[in-house]
N, C-alpha and C. Protein backbone atom coordinates (compact mmCIF):
# COMPACT_ATOMS: atom_id res chain seq x y z
N MET A 1 59.95 40.82 15.29
CA MET A 1 59.34 40.28 13.84
C MET A 1 58.30 40.83 13.83
N HIS A 2 58.00 41.35 12.28
CA HIS A 2 56.50 42.23 12.62
C HIS A 2 55.60 40.70 12.26
N ARG A 3 53.97 41.27 12.34
CA ARG A 3 53.51 40.48 12.37
C ARG A 3 52.33 40.84 10.97
N VAL A 4 52.44 40.20 10.32
CA VAL A 4 51.61 40.90 8.78
C VAL A 4 50.05 40.51 9.42
N LEU A 5 48.99 41.35 9.05
CA LEU A 5 47.86 41.06 8.90
C LEU A 5 47.43 41.35 7.44
N PRO A 6 46.24 39.97 7.27
CA PRO A 6 45.85 39.78 6.05
C PRO A 6 44.93 41.01 5.68
N ARG A 7 45.16 41.83 4.83
CA ARG A 7 43.95 43.00 4.29
C ARG A 7 42.87 42.50 3.85
N ASN A 8 42.30 41.53 3.15
CA ASN A 8 41.13 40.95 2.68
C ASN A 8 40.91 39.56 3.67
N GLN A 9 40.17 39.28 4.11
CA GLN A 9 39.92 38.12 5.08
C GLN A 9 38.91 37.50 4.64
N GLY A 10 39.58 35.89 4.22
CA GLY A 10 38.34 35.49 2.94
C GLY A 10 36.64 34.75 4.26
N GLY A 11 35.79 34.25 3.48
CA GLY A 11 34.55 34.10 4.33
C GLY A 11 33.57 34.77 4.00
N LEU A 12 32.49 34.93 4.25
CA LEU A 12 31.08 35.38 4.13
C LEU A 12 30.79 36.48 5.22
N SER A 13 30.39 37.41 4.42
CA SER A 13 29.53 38.88 5.74
C SER A 13 28.25 38.24 6.33
N LEU A 14 27.62 38.71 7.24
CA LEU A 14 26.18 38.29 7.39
C LEU A 14 25.27 38.26 6.44
N ILE A 15 25.24 39.67 6.06
CA ILE A 15 24.35 40.11 4.31
C ILE A 15 24.36 38.96 3.35
N GLU A 16 25.82 38.19 2.96
CA GLU A 16 25.75 36.94 2.30
C GLU A 16 25.67 35.99 2.60
N LEU A 17 25.30 35.40 3.30
CA LEU A 17 25.21 34.21 4.83
C LEU A 17 23.86 34.60 4.48
N VAL A 18 22.90 35.44 5.31
CA VAL A 18 21.53 35.45 5.14
C VAL A 18 20.47 35.36 3.65
N MET A 19 21.40 35.76 2.21
CA MET A 19 21.12 35.54 1.52
C MET A 19 21.31 34.07 0.96
N VAL A 20 22.51 33.52 1.03
CA VAL A 20 22.12 32.10 0.97
C VAL A 20 21.03 30.90 1.56
N PHE A 21 20.91 31.64 3.23
CA PHE A 21 19.59 31.03 3.54
C PHE A 21 18.40 31.43 2.42
N VAL A 22 17.91 32.40 2.48
CA VAL A 22 17.04 32.53 2.07
C VAL A 22 16.51 32.21 0.28
N VAL A 23 17.50 32.03 -0.33
CA VAL A 23 17.73 31.07 -1.60
C VAL A 23 17.63 29.61 -1.28
N LEU A 24 18.13 29.53 -0.44
CA LEU A 24 17.66 27.92 -0.31
C LEU A 24 16.29 27.47 0.53
N SER A 25 16.27 28.58 1.84
CA SER A 25 14.22 28.54 2.00
C SER A 25 13.55 28.00 0.64
N VAL A 26 14.05 29.07 -0.39
CA VAL A 26 13.04 29.28 -1.64
C VAL A 26 13.17 28.00 -2.30
N ALA A 27 14.30 27.50 -2.71
CA ALA A 27 14.58 26.35 -3.29
C ALA A 27 13.63 25.27 -2.54
N LEU A 28 13.90 25.11 -1.45
CA LEU A 28 13.53 24.02 -0.56
C LEU A 28 12.16 24.04 -0.61
N GLY A 29 11.12 25.00 -0.29
CA GLY A 29 9.77 24.95 -0.16
C GLY A 29 9.07 24.80 -1.65
N ALA A 30 9.92 25.15 -2.69
CA ALA A 30 9.37 24.85 -4.12
C ALA A 30 9.54 23.71 -4.09
N GLY A 31 10.70 22.88 -3.95
CA GLY A 31 10.66 21.38 -4.16
C GLY A 31 9.81 20.12 -3.15
N LEU A 32 9.55 20.51 -1.89
CA LEU A 32 8.91 19.81 -0.81
C LEU A 32 7.89 19.37 -1.29
N PRO A 33 7.03 20.24 -1.89
CA PRO A 33 5.56 19.64 -2.41
C PRO A 33 5.73 17.86 -3.41
N SER A 34 6.98 18.57 -4.17
CA SER A 34 7.10 16.92 -5.46
C SER A 34 7.57 16.42 -4.41
N LEU A 35 8.48 16.32 -3.44
CA LEU A 35 9.13 15.40 -3.17
C LEU A 35 7.96 14.38 -1.85
N GLN A 36 7.33 15.06 -1.57
CA GLN A 36 5.87 14.77 -0.63
C GLN A 36 5.33 13.70 -1.71
N SER A 37 5.25 14.59 -2.94
CA SER A 37 4.11 13.41 -3.59
C SER A 37 5.10 12.13 -4.03
N LEU A 38 6.30 12.60 -4.31
CA LEU A 38 6.89 11.40 -4.53
C LEU A 38 6.91 10.21 -3.70
N VAL A 39 6.76 10.58 -2.47
CA VAL A 39 6.84 9.22 -1.25
C VAL A 39 5.38 8.91 -1.16
N ALA A 40 4.82 9.88 -1.23
CA ALA A 40 3.30 9.36 -1.43
C ALA A 40 3.30 8.77 -2.85
N GLY A 41 3.25 8.61 -3.45
CA GLY A 41 3.33 7.81 -4.74
C GLY A 41 3.78 6.24 -4.37
N ASN A 42 5.52 6.29 -3.72
CA ASN A 42 6.01 4.94 -3.61
C ASN A 42 5.42 4.38 -2.28
N ARG A 43 4.75 4.77 -1.46
CA ARG A 43 4.27 4.29 -0.35
C ARG A 43 2.56 3.24 -1.28
N MET A 44 2.52 4.38 -1.92
CA MET A 44 1.24 3.41 -2.89
C MET A 44 1.41 2.31 -3.76
N SER A 45 2.92 2.52 -3.75
CA SER A 45 3.15 1.35 -4.89
C SER A 45 3.75 0.28 -4.33
N THR A 46 4.20 0.63 -3.07
CA THR A 46 4.72 -0.22 -2.06
C THR A 46 3.61 -1.48 -1.29
N ALA A 47 2.32 -0.35 -1.28
CA ALA A 47 1.10 -1.03 -0.94
C ALA A 47 0.46 -2.39 -2.35
N ARG A 48 0.56 -1.49 -3.26
CA ARG A 48 0.23 -2.27 -4.17
C ARG A 48 0.92 -3.83 -4.76
N SER A 49 2.22 -3.42 -4.59
CA SER A 49 3.25 -4.84 -4.77
C SER A 49 3.26 -5.78 -3.70
N GLY A 50 2.95 -5.14 -2.43
CA GLY A 50 2.62 -6.41 -1.15
C GLY A 50 1.43 -7.45 -1.52
N LEU A 51 0.52 -6.42 -1.83
CA LEU A 51 -0.65 -6.90 -2.06
C LEU A 51 -0.86 -7.98 -3.19
N THR A 52 -0.35 -7.28 -4.36
CA THR A 52 0.32 -8.34 -5.13
C THR A 52 0.95 -9.57 -4.83
N LEU A 53 2.03 -9.64 -4.29
CA LEU A 53 2.89 -10.53 -3.94
C LEU A 53 2.05 -11.47 -2.80
N ALA A 54 0.89 -11.13 -2.09
CA ALA A 54 0.76 -11.94 -0.92
C ALA A 54 -0.42 -12.46 -1.52
N PHE A 55 -1.27 -11.86 -2.55
CA PHE A 55 -2.04 -12.70 -3.71
C PHE A 55 -1.64 -14.02 -4.21
N ALA A 56 0.17 -13.72 -4.65
CA ALA A 56 0.83 -14.42 -5.91
C ALA A 56 0.87 -15.52 -4.73
N GLN A 57 1.18 -15.47 -3.82
CA GLN A 57 1.97 -16.91 -2.92
C GLN A 57 0.67 -17.36 -1.77
N ALA A 58 -0.16 -16.71 -1.58
CA ALA A 58 -1.63 -17.14 -1.19
C ALA A 58 -2.14 -18.13 -2.74
N ARG A 59 -1.85 -18.32 -4.01
CA ARG A 59 -2.70 -18.72 -4.63
C ARG A 59 -1.68 -20.03 -4.83
N ALA A 60 -0.05 -19.79 -4.94
CA ALA A 60 0.44 -20.71 -5.12
C ALA A 60 0.93 -22.09 -3.69
N GLU A 61 0.83 -21.29 -2.40
CA GLU A 61 0.24 -22.38 -1.68
C GLU A 61 -1.15 -23.25 -1.47
N ALA A 62 -2.25 -22.62 -2.31
CA ALA A 62 -3.08 -22.75 -2.34
C ALA A 62 -3.17 -24.43 -3.50
N VAL A 63 -2.49 -24.10 -4.05
CA VAL A 63 -1.63 -24.92 -5.18
C VAL A 63 -0.85 -26.76 -4.90
N VAL A 64 0.28 -25.78 -3.76
CA VAL A 64 0.93 -26.99 -3.10
C VAL A 64 0.08 -27.63 -2.21
N ARG A 65 -0.42 -27.07 -1.47
CA ARG A 65 -1.38 -27.70 -0.40
C ARG A 65 -2.42 -28.21 -1.07
N ALA A 66 -2.98 -27.82 -2.21
CA ALA A 66 -4.08 -28.88 -2.54
C ALA A 66 -5.16 -28.66 -1.94
N SER A 67 -5.64 -27.22 -1.32
CA SER A 67 -6.70 -27.18 -0.22
C SER A 67 -6.84 -25.35 -0.41
N ASN A 68 -8.05 -25.04 0.18
CA ASN A 68 -8.45 -23.92 0.02
C ASN A 68 -7.56 -22.52 0.80
N VAL A 69 -7.20 -21.62 0.12
CA VAL A 69 -6.07 -20.73 0.96
C VAL A 69 -6.71 -18.93 1.14
N VAL A 70 -7.37 -18.41 1.70
CA VAL A 70 -7.71 -17.50 2.14
C VAL A 70 -7.34 -16.08 2.36
N VAL A 71 -7.27 -15.05 1.48
CA VAL A 71 -6.28 -13.81 1.90
C VAL A 71 -7.53 -12.95 2.45
N CYS A 72 -7.07 -12.60 3.64
CA CYS A 72 -8.64 -11.35 3.65
C CYS A 72 -7.76 -10.03 4.67
N PRO A 73 -8.32 -8.75 4.76
CA PRO A 73 -8.01 -7.44 5.87
C PRO A 73 -8.05 -8.30 7.03
N GLY A 74 -6.44 -8.28 8.29
CA GLY A 74 -7.13 -8.55 9.16
C GLY A 74 -7.70 -8.31 10.37
N ASN A 75 -7.76 -8.70 11.38
CA ASN A 75 -8.50 -8.14 12.54
C ASN A 75 -7.90 -7.69 13.60
N GLY A 76 -6.38 -8.26 13.78
CA GLY A 76 -5.49 -8.08 14.31
C GLY A 76 -5.39 -8.97 15.58
N ASP A 77 -6.16 -9.93 15.78
CA ASP A 77 -5.90 -11.00 16.25
C ASP A 77 -6.00 -12.22 15.86
N GLY A 78 -5.28 -12.22 14.21
CA GLY A 78 -4.95 -13.34 13.48
C GLY A 78 -6.49 -13.85 12.51
N GLY A 79 -7.66 -12.77 13.24
CA GLY A 79 -8.56 -13.90 12.08
C GLY A 79 -8.86 -12.17 10.65
N CYS A 80 -10.42 -12.91 10.23
CA CYS A 80 -10.30 -11.78 9.38
C CYS A 80 -11.38 -10.64 10.29
N ALA A 81 -11.40 -9.17 9.54
CA ALA A 81 -11.80 -7.86 9.68
C ALA A 81 -13.45 -8.61 9.01
N ASP A 82 -14.35 -7.90 9.28
CA ASP A 82 -15.43 -7.82 8.37
C ASP A 82 -16.02 -6.70 7.84
N THR A 83 -14.32 -6.06 7.02
CA THR A 83 -14.48 -4.84 6.47
C THR A 83 -13.88 -5.08 4.53
N ILE A 84 -14.29 -3.83 3.73
CA ILE A 84 -13.85 -4.01 2.47
C ILE A 84 -12.83 -3.24 2.35
N HIS A 85 -11.95 -2.49 3.50
CA HIS A 85 -10.71 -1.88 4.03
C HIS A 85 -10.17 -2.57 4.75
N TRP A 86 -8.62 -2.48 3.76
CA TRP A 86 -7.57 -3.56 3.95
C TRP A 86 -6.34 -2.76 4.27
N GLN A 87 -6.39 -1.49 4.98
CA GLN A 87 -5.00 -0.26 5.54
C GLN A 87 -4.73 -0.54 6.91
N ARG A 88 -4.93 -1.73 7.66
CA ARG A 88 -4.64 -1.94 8.53
C ARG A 88 -4.01 -3.95 8.05
N GLY A 89 -4.10 -4.29 7.29
CA GLY A 89 -3.13 -5.08 7.18
C GLY A 89 -4.01 -6.24 7.05
N TRP A 90 -3.71 -7.76 6.09
CA TRP A 90 -3.80 -8.64 5.37
C TRP A 90 -3.41 -9.69 6.41
N ILE A 91 -4.41 -11.31 6.35
CA ILE A 91 -3.49 -12.31 6.77
C ILE A 91 -3.77 -12.70 5.14
N SER A 92 -3.16 -14.42 5.24
CA SER A 92 -3.40 -15.39 4.39
C SER A 92 -3.70 -16.91 5.41
N PHE A 93 -4.59 -17.53 5.14
CA PHE A 93 -4.33 -18.88 5.96
C PHE A 93 -4.95 -19.77 5.19
N GLU A 94 -4.42 -21.23 5.88
CA GLU A 94 -5.14 -22.26 4.73
C GLU A 94 -6.61 -22.78 5.22
N ASP A 95 -7.35 -22.64 4.93
CA ASP A 95 -9.12 -22.86 5.14
C ASP A 95 -9.48 -24.18 5.10
N GLY A 96 -9.17 -24.68 5.34
CA GLY A 96 -9.57 -26.80 5.73
C GLY A 96 -10.97 -27.05 5.62
N ASN A 97 -11.41 -26.46 6.62
CA ASN A 97 -13.51 -26.33 6.66
C ASN A 97 -14.14 -25.44 5.63
N ARG A 98 -13.52 -24.66 4.78
CA ARG A 98 -14.04 -23.89 3.37
C ARG A 98 -15.01 -23.36 4.43
N ASN A 99 -14.82 -22.45 5.22
CA ASN A 99 -15.83 -21.60 5.44
C ASN A 99 -15.76 -20.28 5.39
N GLY A 100 -14.86 -19.69 4.89
CA GLY A 100 -13.89 -18.85 4.74
C GLY A 100 -13.59 -17.65 6.44
N LEU A 101 -13.37 -18.59 7.29
CA LEU A 101 -13.03 -17.93 7.97
C LEU A 101 -11.56 -18.43 9.24
N ARG A 102 -10.75 -17.90 10.01
CA ARG A 102 -9.54 -18.27 9.83
C ARG A 102 -9.96 -19.49 11.74
N ASP A 103 -10.45 -20.50 11.76
CA ASP A 103 -10.18 -21.14 13.03
C ASP A 103 -9.32 -21.81 13.59
N ALA A 104 -9.13 -22.98 14.61
CA ALA A 104 -8.42 -22.96 15.39
C ALA A 104 -8.00 -24.15 14.56
N GLY A 105 -6.54 -24.38 14.74
CA GLY A 105 -5.64 -24.95 13.84
C GLY A 105 -5.61 -25.18 12.17
N GLU A 106 -6.25 -24.05 12.04
CA GLU A 106 -6.28 -23.46 10.29
C GLU A 106 -4.59 -23.10 10.43
N PRO A 107 -3.64 -22.91 9.91
CA PRO A 107 -2.39 -22.16 9.74
C PRO A 107 -2.54 -20.80 9.06
N GLN A 108 -1.84 -19.99 9.75
CA GLN A 108 -1.83 -18.49 8.88
C GLN A 108 -0.45 -18.68 8.12
N LEU A 109 -0.28 -18.22 6.66
CA LEU A 109 0.16 -18.67 5.76
C LEU A 109 1.42 -17.59 5.50
N GLY A 110 0.58 -16.46 5.77
CA GLY A 110 1.28 -15.10 5.42
C GLY A 110 0.86 -14.38 6.43
N ALA A 111 1.55 -12.72 6.05
CA ALA A 111 0.51 -11.51 7.09
C ALA A 111 0.98 -10.16 6.41
N GLY A 112 0.73 -9.21 6.40
CA GLY A 112 0.84 -7.96 5.89
C GLY A 112 0.78 -6.78 6.28
N GLY A 113 1.26 -5.15 5.60
CA GLY A 113 0.59 -4.46 5.96
C GLY A 113 0.61 -3.52 4.86
N VAL A 114 -0.21 -2.39 5.27
CA VAL A 114 0.04 -1.29 4.19
C VAL A 114 0.84 -0.10 4.57
N PRO A 115 1.63 1.01 3.79
CA PRO A 115 2.44 2.02 4.77
C PRO A 115 1.32 2.49 5.11
N PRO A 116 1.74 3.57 5.92
CA PRO A 116 0.71 4.89 6.47
C PRO A 116 0.33 5.74 5.37
N GLY A 117 -0.93 6.26 5.46
CA GLY A 117 -1.59 7.54 4.50
C GLY A 117 -1.94 6.39 3.18
N VAL A 118 -1.76 5.66 3.72
CA VAL A 118 -2.49 4.71 1.91
C VAL A 118 -3.77 4.28 2.33
N ALA A 119 -5.18 4.16 1.83
CA ALA A 119 -5.86 3.23 1.82
C ALA A 119 -5.87 2.09 0.99
N VAL A 120 -6.69 1.03 1.42
CA VAL A 120 -7.10 0.45 0.19
C VAL A 120 -8.46 -0.68 0.49
N ALA A 121 -9.25 -0.63 -0.70
CA ALA A 121 -10.76 -0.86 -0.59
C ALA A 121 -10.81 -1.99 -1.37
N THR A 122 -12.17 -2.84 -1.12
CA THR A 122 -12.40 -3.59 -2.01
C THR A 122 -13.70 -3.53 -2.46
N SER A 123 -14.05 -4.34 -3.74
CA SER A 123 -15.26 -3.81 -4.35
C SER A 123 -16.39 -4.81 -3.63
N ASN A 124 -17.36 -3.38 -3.62
CA ASN A 124 -18.89 -4.16 -2.24
C ASN A 124 -18.49 -5.54 -1.93
N GLY A 125 -18.94 -5.86 -1.27
CA GLY A 125 -19.35 -7.14 -0.51
C GLY A 125 -17.83 -8.39 -0.84
N ARG A 126 -17.39 -8.15 -1.53
CA ARG A 126 -15.87 -8.89 -1.28
C ARG A 126 -14.86 -8.16 -0.35
N ARG A 127 -15.14 -9.59 0.63
CA ARG A 127 -14.29 -8.53 1.88
C ARG A 127 -13.52 -9.73 2.31
N SER A 128 -12.95 -10.76 0.69
CA SER A 128 -11.75 -11.48 1.56
C SER A 128 -11.77 -12.69 0.13
N VAL A 129 -10.54 -12.79 -0.35
CA VAL A 129 -10.40 -13.92 -1.53
C VAL A 129 -10.01 -15.33 -1.17
N ARG A 130 -10.86 -16.40 -2.01
CA ARG A 130 -10.79 -17.76 -1.47
C ARG A 130 -9.75 -18.08 -2.82
N TYR A 131 -8.54 -18.91 -2.84
CA TYR A 131 -7.78 -19.69 -3.90
C TYR A 131 -8.54 -21.19 -3.62
N LEU A 132 -8.69 -21.69 -4.83
CA LEU A 132 -8.80 -23.15 -4.32
C LEU A 132 -8.02 -23.81 -5.04
N ALA A 133 -8.02 -24.97 -4.60
CA ALA A 133 -6.82 -26.45 -5.06
C ALA A 133 -6.34 -25.89 -6.69
N ASP A 134 -6.80 -25.61 -7.06
CA ASP A 134 -6.30 -25.70 -8.50
C ASP A 134 -5.85 -23.97 -9.12
N GLY A 135 -5.41 -23.08 -8.08
CA GLY A 135 -5.33 -21.89 -8.05
C GLY A 135 -6.08 -20.99 -8.48
N THR A 136 -6.94 -21.65 -9.08
CA THR A 136 -8.39 -20.25 -9.24
C THR A 136 -9.02 -19.23 -8.02
N SER A 137 -10.11 -18.44 -8.45
CA SER A 137 -10.38 -17.60 -7.40
C SER A 137 -11.54 -17.63 -7.90
N GLU A 138 -12.49 -18.69 -7.90
CA GLU A 138 -13.95 -18.86 -8.20
C GLU A 138 -14.80 -18.09 -7.18
N GLY A 139 -15.45 -17.02 -8.13
CA GLY A 139 -16.22 -16.27 -7.25
C GLY A 139 -15.76 -15.19 -6.43
N SER A 140 -14.73 -15.35 -6.69
CA SER A 140 -14.10 -13.94 -5.99
C SER A 140 -13.81 -12.66 -6.78
N ASN A 141 -14.18 -12.53 -8.33
CA ASN A 141 -13.74 -11.48 -9.06
C ASN A 141 -13.41 -10.43 -8.20
N VAL A 142 -13.12 -9.92 -7.96
CA VAL A 142 -12.59 -8.00 -6.68
C VAL A 142 -11.58 -7.24 -7.33
N THR A 143 -12.11 -6.01 -7.01
CA THR A 143 -11.38 -4.79 -7.57
C THR A 143 -10.59 -4.30 -6.07
N LEU A 144 -9.19 -4.04 -6.57
CA LEU A 144 -8.93 -3.65 -4.76
C LEU A 144 -8.07 -1.89 -5.67
N THR A 145 -8.91 -0.80 -4.80
CA THR A 145 -9.15 0.43 -5.44
C THR A 145 -7.38 0.87 -3.98
N PHE A 146 -6.78 1.60 -4.38
CA PHE A 146 -5.81 1.75 -3.36
C PHE A 146 -5.59 3.72 -3.72
N CYS A 147 -5.81 3.94 -2.67
CA CYS A 147 -5.39 5.80 -2.66
C CYS A 147 -4.43 6.43 -1.15
N ASP A 148 -4.41 7.56 -1.64
CA ASP A 148 -3.60 8.44 -0.39
C ASP A 148 -4.37 9.50 -0.30
N ARG A 149 -2.93 10.47 0.45
CA ARG A 149 -3.55 11.76 0.90
C ARG A 149 -3.60 12.89 -0.54
N ARG A 150 -3.15 12.60 -1.82
CA ARG A 150 -3.43 13.18 -3.08
C ARG A 150 -4.78 12.43 -3.75
N GLY A 151 -5.77 12.15 -3.14
CA GLY A 151 -6.79 11.91 -3.74
C GLY A 151 -7.13 11.04 -5.18
N ALA A 152 -8.47 10.99 -5.23
CA ALA A 152 -8.82 9.97 -6.00
C ALA A 152 -8.41 10.43 -7.28
N SER A 153 -7.84 11.61 -7.81
CA SER A 153 -7.27 11.59 -9.05
C SER A 153 -5.84 10.78 -9.29
N ARG A 154 -4.97 10.29 -8.29
CA ARG A 154 -4.23 10.02 -8.20
C ARG A 154 -4.36 8.85 -7.58
N ALA A 155 -5.90 7.89 -7.92
CA ALA A 155 -5.70 6.58 -7.10
C ALA A 155 -5.30 5.49 -8.32
N SER A 156 -5.12 4.57 -7.92
CA SER A 156 -4.95 3.23 -8.91
C SER A 156 -5.78 1.78 -8.51
N ALA A 157 -6.05 0.86 -9.32
CA ALA A 157 -6.49 -0.41 -9.15
C ALA A 157 -6.21 -1.89 -9.30
N LEU A 158 -5.94 -2.71 -8.80
CA LEU A 158 -5.96 -3.90 -9.19
C LEU A 158 -7.36 -4.78 -9.43
N ALA A 159 -7.25 -5.69 -10.15
CA ALA A 159 -9.02 -6.55 -10.32
C ALA A 159 -8.01 -7.80 -10.39
N LEU A 160 -8.53 -8.45 -9.50
CA LEU A 160 -8.32 -10.13 -9.61
C LEU A 160 -9.48 -10.80 -10.04
N ASN A 161 -8.93 -11.68 -11.70
CA ASN A 161 -10.54 -12.58 -12.16
C ASN A 161 -10.34 -13.39 -11.58
N ASN A 162 -10.98 -14.53 -12.17
CA ASN A 162 -11.85 -15.91 -11.79
C ASN A 162 -10.80 -16.63 -11.55
N ALA A 163 -9.75 -16.68 -12.98
CA ALA A 163 -8.50 -17.39 -13.20
C ALA A 163 -7.72 -17.18 -12.34
N GLY A 164 -7.67 -16.00 -10.93
CA GLY A 164 -6.77 -15.99 -9.89
C GLY A 164 -5.63 -15.07 -10.01
N ARG A 165 -5.75 -14.17 -10.95
CA ARG A 165 -4.89 -13.44 -11.76
C ARG A 165 -5.02 -12.03 -11.52
N LEU A 166 -4.12 -11.39 -11.47
CA LEU A 166 -4.05 -9.73 -10.84
C LEU A 166 -3.66 -9.23 -11.85
N ARG A 167 -3.97 -7.62 -12.42
CA ARG A 167 -4.05 -7.11 -13.42
C ARG A 167 -4.31 -5.77 -13.45
N ARG A 168 -3.39 -4.51 -13.70
CA ARG A 168 -4.27 -3.39 -13.11
C ARG A 168 -4.86 -2.89 -14.21
N VAL A 169 -6.44 -1.93 -13.26
CA VAL A 169 -7.69 -1.63 -14.18
C VAL A 169 -7.09 0.23 -13.81
N ALA A 170 -8.18 0.56 -14.87
CA ALA A 170 -8.59 2.08 -15.09
C ALA A 170 -9.35 2.24 -13.28
N VAL A 171 -9.57 3.24 -12.81
CA VAL A 171 -10.12 3.23 -11.69
C VAL A 171 -11.62 3.40 -12.11
N ASP A 172 -12.22 3.19 -10.95
CA ASP A 172 -13.55 2.91 -10.84
C ASP A 172 -13.87 4.43 -10.17
N PRO A 173 -14.83 5.38 -10.06
CA PRO A 173 -15.07 7.02 -9.35
C PRO A 173 -15.17 6.52 -8.12
N GLY A 174 -16.51 5.39 -8.12
CA GLY A 174 -16.98 4.74 -6.99
C GLY A 174 -15.97 4.63 -5.94
N TYR A 175 -15.11 3.21 -6.51
CA TYR A 175 -13.85 2.77 -5.80
C TYR A 175 -13.62 3.70 -5.41
N ALA A 176 -12.83 4.45 -5.65
CA ALA A 176 -12.29 5.76 -5.43
C ALA A 176 -12.42 6.35 -4.10
N ALA A 177 -13.85 6.89 -4.35
CA ALA A 177 -14.39 7.11 -3.40
C ALA A 177 -14.33 6.71 -2.34
N THR A 178 -14.20 5.70 -2.00
CA THR A 178 -14.52 4.71 -1.18
C THR A 178 -13.54 4.65 -0.17
N ALA A 179 -11.65 4.76 -1.20
CA ALA A 179 -10.80 4.32 -1.21
C ALA A 179 -10.24 5.28 -0.15
N CYS A 180 -10.36 6.45 -1.09
CA CYS A 180 -10.16 8.08 -0.35
C CYS A 180 -10.79 8.05 0.38
N GLY A 181 -12.04 7.58 0.95
CA GLY A 181 -12.56 8.22 2.05
C GLY A 181 -11.86 7.79 3.74
N ALA A 182 -11.25 6.68 3.29
CA ALA A 182 -10.74 6.21 4.15
C ALA A 182 -9.65 6.13 4.96
N VAL A 183 -8.58 7.36 3.68
CA VAL A 183 -7.30 7.26 4.38
C VAL A 183 -7.25 8.44 5.29
N GLU A 184 -5.89 8.02 6.04
CA GLU A 184 -5.76 7.98 7.61
C GLU A 184 -4.69 9.20 8.13
């Protein structure tokens, strides 16, 4: 019996394989920065959505409980941090004695965090938001500015009015510099 050897074997030569890898490397290298920008944008959107939800829930809890509810940057021990930077997370709690601090016996109603690489800062002097029993946030006008590693040109902002509602607003350059300076 004769064995028939194929004249042309299928497959790729080493040179063809190297060329495929070079083309793929160039394509991935060109696409990676835009992918990183997409991921950063999604993280910032997640942070905005998370805080929007936290404020909406706190407002609803204030009305349902007919009590004050505070949302503030968390300190890691279940209390409020004395800072305008929220990227380490936040808490909400019923503030029965209206002192703006979480005291023993005041239930924590919620908590959340900010994705890595995103910084959030509130306007100066506004370290917490207090919702009253009627759902308003009297005296709590605040702007929350969100920034990531892409810089101030990509920052976004939400403003909370005295009626207790959030809306997107134009970014104040001063607030953007504060928020972007805290990106980790």
